[in-house]
Amino acid sequence: MNPPAALETPRLRLRVPLVDDAAAIFDAYTQDAQVARYTSWSPHRSLDETRTFLEQHCEAGWTAGTVFSWLITMSEGGYVAGMIDFRLTACRAEVGYVLAQRYWGHGFMTEAADAVVEWVIAQPEIHRVWATVDLENVASQRVLEKVGMVREGVLRRWLVFPNLSPVPRDVWSFARIKETGAHP
């Protein structure tokens, strides 16, 4: 798979994140406990944590061809708004995202997620784009529904959200599948 290095939407530019973006990312959201509330990571305590994430997750993922991350930036001004990625497993791609608090409630994540989901589901080898979301994270559930994903069911004790509990929490599973017309 060869995802584009950048995706454009009417208000956003999604591009490959660079280690040089660490300070802007740290300032925008990685140190924010409210942003990290429903994520699988704890707020970053230092700029070095954000740099390490960029090297070991973002850069390493693109190199290995398993995780493809884009930095979400504003088309006007280039300000960092968040990040979105997808992780490949066979014929499936799992989408995850995070958005800086100052950009909540303006449809930016729906715009970014729609661009990524549309690109991913159009790839011949991908038949399922999916995501999980904590049962209490209603805003993220709405984003997934708006980009054409269907709520499939609850996955019990699926994921640890370290900012909420050390015990794995239940999540909703959402998915959009490629309709082929033929069923075995």
Protein backbone atom coordinates (compact mmCIF):
# COMPACT_ATOMS: atom_id res chain seq x y z
CA MET A 1 0.00 0.00 0.00
CA ASN A 2 1.24 3.45 -0.87
CA PRO A 3 -0.77 6.18 0.90
CA PRO A 4 -0.30 9.77 -0.21
CA ALA A 5 2.08 11.91 1.85
CA ALA A 6 -0.65 14.59 1.99
CA LEU A 7 -4.43 14.79 1.75
CA GLU A 8 -6.29 18.08 1.24
CA THR A 9 -9.82 18.95 2.38
CA PRO A 10 -11.60 22.30 2.12
CA ARG A 11 -10.22 23.51 5.48
CA LEU A 12 -7.41 21.09 6.30
CA ARG A 13 -4.12 19.71 5.07
CA LEU A 14 -3.15 16.27 6.32
CA ARG A 15 0.56 15.54 5.94
CA VAL A 16 3.20 13.15 7.17
CA PRO A 17 4.36 14.28 10.63
CA LEU A 18 8.03 15.09 11.13
CA VAL A 19 10.15 15.02 14.28
CA ASP A 20 10.56 18.78 13.72
CA ASP A 21 6.81 19.10 14.44
CA ALA A 22 7.27 17.87 18.04
CA ALA A 23 7.09 21.29 19.72
CA ALA A 24 3.96 22.34 17.84
CA ILE A 25 2.29 18.98 18.55
CA PHE A 26 3.25 19.10 22.24
CA ASP A 27 1.90 22.66 22.57
CA ALA A 28 -1.31 21.86 20.64
CA TYR A 29 -2.44 18.66 22.33
CA THR A 30 -0.10 15.89 23.57
CA GLN A 31 0.28 17.47 27.03
CA ASP A 32 -3.47 18.17 27.38
CA ALA A 33 -5.19 15.79 29.83
CA GLN A 34 -8.65 16.55 28.35
CA VAL A 35 -7.48 15.62 24.85
CA ALA A 36 -5.85 12.42 26.15
CA ARG A 37 -8.91 11.41 28.22
CA TYR A 38 -10.18 8.75 25.77
CA THR A 39 -6.83 7.76 24.27
CA SER A 40 -4.59 4.76 24.90
CA TRP A 41 -1.73 7.07 25.96
CA SER A 42 -1.14 9.36 28.91
CA PRO A 43 -0.53 13.09 28.44
CA HIS A 44 3.08 13.76 27.50
CA ARG A 45 5.09 15.29 30.33
CA SER A 46 7.88 16.52 28.07
CA LEU A 47 8.74 17.46 24.53
CA ASP A 48 11.01 14.38 24.44
CA GLU A 49 7.98 12.09 24.86
CA THR A 50 6.38 13.67 21.79
CA ARG A 51 9.64 13.35 19.81
CA THR A 52 9.90 9.67 20.79
CA PHE A 53 6.29 9.09 19.67
CA LEU A 54 7.01 10.70 16.31
CA GLU A 55 10.11 8.55 15.80
CA GLN A 56 8.88 5.22 17.16
CA HIS A 57 5.25 5.34 16.03
CA CYS A 58 4.88 7.71 13.11
CA GLU A 59 8.20 7.41 11.27
CA ALA A 60 8.64 3.72 12.10
CA GLY A 61 5.07 2.96 11.00
CA TRP A 62 5.50 4.55 7.57
CA THR A 63 8.85 2.76 7.13
CA ALA A 64 7.38 -0.63 8.11
CA GLY A 65 4.22 -0.06 6.04
CA THR A 66 1.94 -0.90 8.97
CA VAL A 67 0.89 2.46 10.47
CA PHE A 68 0.25 5.56 8.39
CA SER A 69 -0.09 8.80 10.37
CA TRP A 70 -0.96 12.26 9.13
CA LEU A 71 -0.62 15.48 11.05
CA ILE A 72 -3.85 17.46 10.76
CA THR A 73 -3.04 21.09 10.03
CA MET A 74 -5.21 24.06 9.19
CA SER A 75 -5.05 25.00 5.49
CA GLU A 76 -4.79 28.66 6.46
CA GLY A 77 -1.78 29.23 8.67
CA GLY A 78 -0.61 25.61 8.90
CA TYR A 79 -1.47 25.37 12.61
CA VAL A 80 -1.37 21.90 14.15
CA ALA A 81 -4.89 20.68 14.93
CA GLY A 82 -4.35 16.97 15.63
CA MET A 83 -3.38 13.65 14.13
CA ILE A 84 -5.10 10.76 12.38
CA ASP A 85 -3.76 7.37 11.37
CA PHE A 86 -4.70 3.95 10.16
CA ARG A 87 -3.14 0.64 11.07
CA LEU A 88 -3.13 -2.22 8.57
CA THR A 89 -3.90 -5.84 9.37
CA ALA A 90 -4.56 -8.07 6.35
CA CYS A 91 -7.64 -6.71 4.55
CA ARG A 92 -8.55 -4.35 7.41
CA ALA A 93 -7.56 -0.84 8.43
CA GLU A 94 -8.18 0.53 11.92
CA VAL A 95 -8.54 4.31 12.17
CA GLY A 96 -7.56 6.39 15.21
CA TYR A 97 -7.41 10.13 15.75
CA VAL A 98 -6.94 12.97 18.20
CA LEU A 99 -7.82 16.66 17.97
CA ALA A 100 -6.58 19.68 19.93
CA GLN A 101 -9.24 21.10 22.24
CA ARG A 102 -9.34 24.50 20.56
CA TYR A 103 -10.64 22.79 17.37
CA TRP A 104 -13.41 20.72 18.99
CA GLY A 105 -16.96 21.26 17.83
CA HIS A 106 -16.24 22.69 14.37
CA GLY A 107 -16.43 19.53 12.23
CA PHE A 108 -12.67 19.37 11.65
CA MET A 109 -12.29 15.76 12.80
CA THR A 110 -15.21 14.65 10.66
CA GLU A 111 -13.58 16.38 7.68
CA ALA A 112 -10.20 14.73 8.32
CA ALA A 113 -11.66 11.29 9.08
CA ASP A 114 -13.84 11.41 5.98
CA ALA A 115 -10.79 12.08 3.78
CA VAL A 116 -8.84 9.21 5.31
CA VAL A 117 -11.70 6.71 5.40
CA GLU A 118 -12.66 7.45 1.78
CA TRP A 119 -9.07 6.99 0.63
CA VAL A 120 -8.58 3.78 2.61
CA ILE A 121 -11.86 2.07 1.62
CA ALA A 122 -11.11 2.85 -2.06
CA GLN A 123 -7.96 0.70 -1.92
CA PRO A 124 -8.56 -2.67 -3.64
CA GLU A 125 -6.98 -4.70 -0.83
CA ILE A 126 -9.02 -3.09 1.98
CA HIS A 127 -12.48 -4.48 2.72
CA ARG A 128 -13.06 -3.11 6.22
CA VAL A 129 -12.25 0.22 7.86
CA TRP A 130 -12.98 0.14 11.55
CA ALA A 131 -12.50 1.95 14.84
CA THR A 132 -13.25 1.50 18.51
CA VAL A 133 -14.47 4.19 20.86
CA ASP A 134 -15.14 4.29 24.60
CA LEU A 135 -18.84 3.96 25.41
CA GLU A 136 -18.79 7.43 27.02
CA ASN A 137 -17.05 9.21 24.12
CA VAL A 138 -20.19 10.41 22.34
CA ALA A 139 -18.43 13.07 20.24
CA SER A 140 -16.14 10.49 18.64
CA GLN A 141 -19.07 8.14 18.06
CA ARG A 142 -20.79 10.92 16.09
CA VAL A 143 -17.66 11.45 13.97
CA LEU A 144 -17.57 7.77 13.03
CA GLU A 145 -21.26 7.74 12.12
CA LYS A 146 -20.85 10.87 9.98
CA VAL A 147 -18.08 9.20 7.93
CA GLY A 148 -20.30 6.24 7.12
CA MET A 149 -19.30 3.78 9.81
CA VAL A 150 -21.92 1.58 11.43
CA ARG A 151 -22.02 0.76 15.13
CA GLU A 152 -21.59 -3.01 15.26
CA GLY A 153 -21.56 -3.81 18.95
CA VAL A 154 -19.75 -3.65 22.25
CA LEU A 155 -16.33 -5.21 22.67
CA ARG A 156 -16.12 -5.95 26.37
CA ARG A 157 -12.96 -5.16 28.34
CA TRP A 158 -11.26 -4.27 25.04
CA LEU A 159 -8.85 -1.41 25.74
CA VAL A 160 -7.12 0.31 28.62
CA PHE A 161 -7.68 4.05 28.67
CA PRO A 162 -4.97 4.92 31.22
CA ASN A 163 -6.47 8.33 31.93
CA LEU A 164 -9.76 6.72 33.01
CA SER A 165 -8.86 3.33 34.51
CA PRO A 166 -6.08 0.73 34.66
CA VAL A 167 -8.70 -1.91 33.82
CA PRO A 168 -9.67 -2.46 30.14
CA ARG A 169 -12.93 -0.69 29.33
CA ASP A 170 -15.81 -1.61 27.05
CA VAL A 171 -15.83 0.06 23.63
CA TRP A 172 -18.19 0.37 20.71
CA SER A 173 -16.91 -1.17 17.51
CA PHE A 174 -17.70 0.81 14.37
CA ALA A 175 -16.96 -0.28 10.81
CA ARG A 176 -17.48 0.55 7.19
CA ILE A 177 -17.16 -2.38 4.84
CA LYS A 178 -16.67 -2.53 1.11
CA GLU A 179 -19.83 -3.81 -0.48
CA THR A 180 -18.89 -6.32 -3.16
CA GLY A 181 -22.33 -7.65 -3.99
CA ALA A 182 -21.17 -11.26 -3.62
CA HIS A 183 -21.41 -13.12 -0.34
CA PRO A 184 -20.02 -16.59 0.22
